[in-house]
Amino acid sequence: MNCLIRNMNPQDYNSVRLLWDSTPGMGLNDYDDSEIGIRRFLSRNPGTCFVAEHRATLAGVILAGHDGRRGHIYHMAVAERFRGGGIGAGLVTAALSALESEGIQKVSLVAFARNEAGNSFWKHMGFTLREDLIYWDKVLGRPG
């Protein structure tokens, strides 16, 4: 399918959020994935997040960034009607190329174990399942 892949910008938020909300297997929260949270993320990672558009319709999105040492893919989604046409692979390729151009040599991501379609996709894209790790996180205080 012929799509334009371009850098994501803050004006994309509403349509991106609708896509995320309609995608099974997405892990979203009201703070990090709020419009303010995504604006903050994009300001820190302006060249590593992308959207795919087909005839001015959002077809997919990837949110990726880095801390200067390692890259991380946070959210990747392709609208159901656009799946199977290479859009997801194109978005991943764009993000990985952008991360590599910024000196990043290793990228990680977290996927829910129950997200069979997502896990199959990441395997197909050449990612390695790390069964030797346990993922931990901690929620810090929220700004007022």
Protein backbone atom coordinates (compact mmCIF):
# COMPACT_ATOMS: atom_id res chain seq x y z
CA MET A 1 0.00 0.00 0.00
CA ASN A 2 1.31 3.43 -0.90
CA CYS A 3 1.73 5.52 2.26
CA LEU A 4 3.63 8.62 3.20
CA ILE A 5 5.80 8.07 6.28
CA ARG A 6 6.74 11.32 7.99
CA ASN A 7 7.85 12.56 11.39
CA MET A 8 5.09 12.73 13.96
CA ASN A 9 4.25 16.19 15.28
CA PRO A 10 2.08 17.39 18.18
CA GLN A 11 -0.81 18.19 15.80
CA ASP A 12 -1.11 14.45 15.09
CA TYR A 13 -2.04 13.67 18.69
CA ASN A 14 -5.84 13.38 18.41
CA SER A 15 -5.81 10.98 15.47
CA VAL A 16 -2.88 9.02 16.94
CA ARG A 17 -4.69 8.65 20.27
CA LEU A 18 -7.83 7.41 18.49
CA LEU A 19 -5.72 4.77 16.72
CA TRP A 20 -4.03 3.69 19.94
CA ASP A 21 -7.38 3.50 21.75
CA SER A 22 -8.81 1.28 19.00
CA THR A 23 -5.81 -1.08 18.87
CA PRO A 24 -6.04 -4.25 20.99
CA GLY A 25 -2.90 -4.98 22.99
CA MET A 26 -1.90 -1.36 23.58
CA GLY A 27 -0.85 -0.40 27.10
CA LEU A 28 -1.76 3.26 27.56
CA ASN A 29 -2.05 5.49 30.59
CA ASP A 30 -3.63 8.86 31.12
CA TYR A 31 -0.42 10.59 32.16
CA ASP A 32 2.40 9.48 29.84
CA ASP A 33 0.08 9.15 26.86
CA SER A 34 -1.82 12.39 27.43
CA GLU A 35 -1.41 15.19 24.93
CA ILE A 36 0.97 16.96 27.32
CA GLY A 37 2.98 13.77 27.85
CA ILE A 38 3.30 13.11 24.13
CA ARG A 39 4.25 16.73 23.42
CA ARG A 40 7.01 16.43 26.02
CA PHE A 41 8.19 13.14 24.49
CA LEU A 42 8.22 14.58 20.95
CA SER A 43 10.23 17.60 22.10
CA ARG A 44 12.90 15.23 23.46
CA ASN A 45 12.73 12.86 20.47
CA PRO A 46 11.76 15.02 17.47
CA GLY A 47 13.29 12.80 14.79
CA THR A 48 12.46 9.27 15.95
CA CYS A 49 8.64 9.15 15.95
CA PHE A 50 6.69 8.64 12.74
CA VAL A 51 3.19 8.43 11.30
CA ALA A 52 2.07 6.74 8.10
CA GLU A 53 -0.67 8.42 6.07
CA HIS A 54 -2.73 7.01 3.23
CA ARG A 55 -4.61 9.73 1.34
CA ALA A 56 -4.48 12.05 4.39
CA THR A 57 -5.81 9.29 6.68
CA LEU A 58 -3.68 8.08 9.58
CA ALA A 59 -2.71 4.48 8.82
CA GLY A 60 -0.07 3.88 11.49
CA VAL A 61 2.24 5.35 14.10
CA ILE A 62 5.44 4.50 15.94
CA LEU A 63 6.64 6.25 19.08
CA ALA A 64 10.37 5.65 19.60
CA GLY A 65 13.11 7.47 21.42
CA HIS A 66 16.39 7.09 23.28
CA ASP A 67 18.31 8.23 26.32
CA GLY A 68 21.62 8.58 24.47
CA ARG A 69 22.59 4.99 25.25
CA ARG A 70 19.72 2.72 24.23
CA GLY A 71 16.68 3.15 22.04
CA HIS A 72 13.18 2.12 23.00
CA ILE A 73 9.99 1.60 21.03
CA TYR A 74 7.05 2.63 23.18
CA HIS A 75 3.98 2.33 20.96
CA MET A 76 3.50 1.03 17.44
CA ALA A 77 0.11 0.56 15.81
CA VAL A 78 -1.33 0.13 12.33
CA ALA A 79 -5.05 0.61 11.73
CA GLU A 80 -6.79 -2.71 11.14
CA ARG A 81 -7.81 -1.92 7.57
CA PHE A 82 -4.21 -1.10 6.62
CA ARG A 83 -2.53 -4.17 8.11
CA GLY A 84 -0.63 -6.62 5.95
CA GLY A 85 0.58 -4.01 3.49
CA GLY A 86 4.02 -3.35 4.94
CA ILE A 87 3.12 -0.17 6.83
CA GLY A 88 4.26 -1.54 10.19
CA ALA A 89 7.57 -2.68 8.74
CA GLY A 90 8.01 0.72 7.10
CA LEU A 91 7.39 2.53 10.38
CA VAL A 92 9.81 0.28 12.27
CA THR A 93 12.45 0.72 9.57
CA ALA A 94 12.06 4.52 9.73
CA ALA A 95 12.37 4.57 13.53
CA LEU A 96 15.35 2.20 13.61
CA SER A 97 17.14 4.20 10.91
CA ALA A 98 16.51 7.43 12.81
CA LEU A 99 17.78 5.92 16.06
CA GLU A 100 20.86 4.54 14.34
CA SER A 101 21.58 7.93 12.76
CA GLU A 102 21.60 9.35 16.30
CA GLY A 103 24.26 6.82 17.36
CA ILE A 104 21.97 4.24 18.94
CA GLN A 105 23.02 0.61 18.39
CA LYS A 106 20.50 -1.33 20.49
CA VAL A 107 16.72 -1.00 20.76
CA SER A 108 14.27 -2.61 23.17
CA LEU A 109 10.51 -2.73 23.54
CA VAL A 110 7.90 -4.17 25.86
CA ALA A 111 4.92 -6.15 24.55
CA PHE A 112 2.19 -7.81 26.55
CA ALA A 113 2.55 -11.61 26.60
CA ARG A 114 -1.09 -11.93 25.51
CA ASN A 115 -0.54 -9.73 22.43
CA GLU A 116 0.00 -12.60 20.00
CA ALA A 117 -0.23 -10.48 16.84
CA GLY A 118 2.22 -7.93 18.21
CA ASN A 119 4.70 -10.53 19.43
CA SER A 120 4.57 -12.33 16.09
CA PHE A 121 5.23 -9.02 14.31
CA TRP A 122 8.26 -8.18 16.47
CA LYS A 123 9.71 -11.64 15.90
CA HIS A 124 9.18 -11.20 12.15
CA MET A 125 11.01 -7.84 12.38
CA GLY A 126 14.08 -9.57 13.85
CA PHE A 127 13.66 -8.71 17.53
CA THR A 128 14.78 -11.31 20.08
CA LEU A 129 12.57 -12.44 22.95
CA ARG A 130 14.51 -12.04 26.22
CA GLU A 131 13.24 -14.79 28.50
CA ASP A 132 16.08 -14.15 30.96
CA LEU A 133 14.68 -10.79 32.09
CA ILE A 134 11.91 -9.65 34.37
CA TYR A 135 10.44 -6.22 33.68
CA TRP A 136 10.02 -3.90 36.68
CA ASP A 137 8.58 -0.41 36.94
CA LYS A 138 7.61 2.13 39.58
CA VAL A 139 5.14 4.99 39.30
CA LEU A 140 6.54 8.24 40.68
CA GLY A 141 4.49 11.16 41.99
CA ARG A 142 2.38 12.96 39.42
CA PRO A 143 2.67 16.73 38.95
CA GLY A 144 -0.33 18.59 40.37
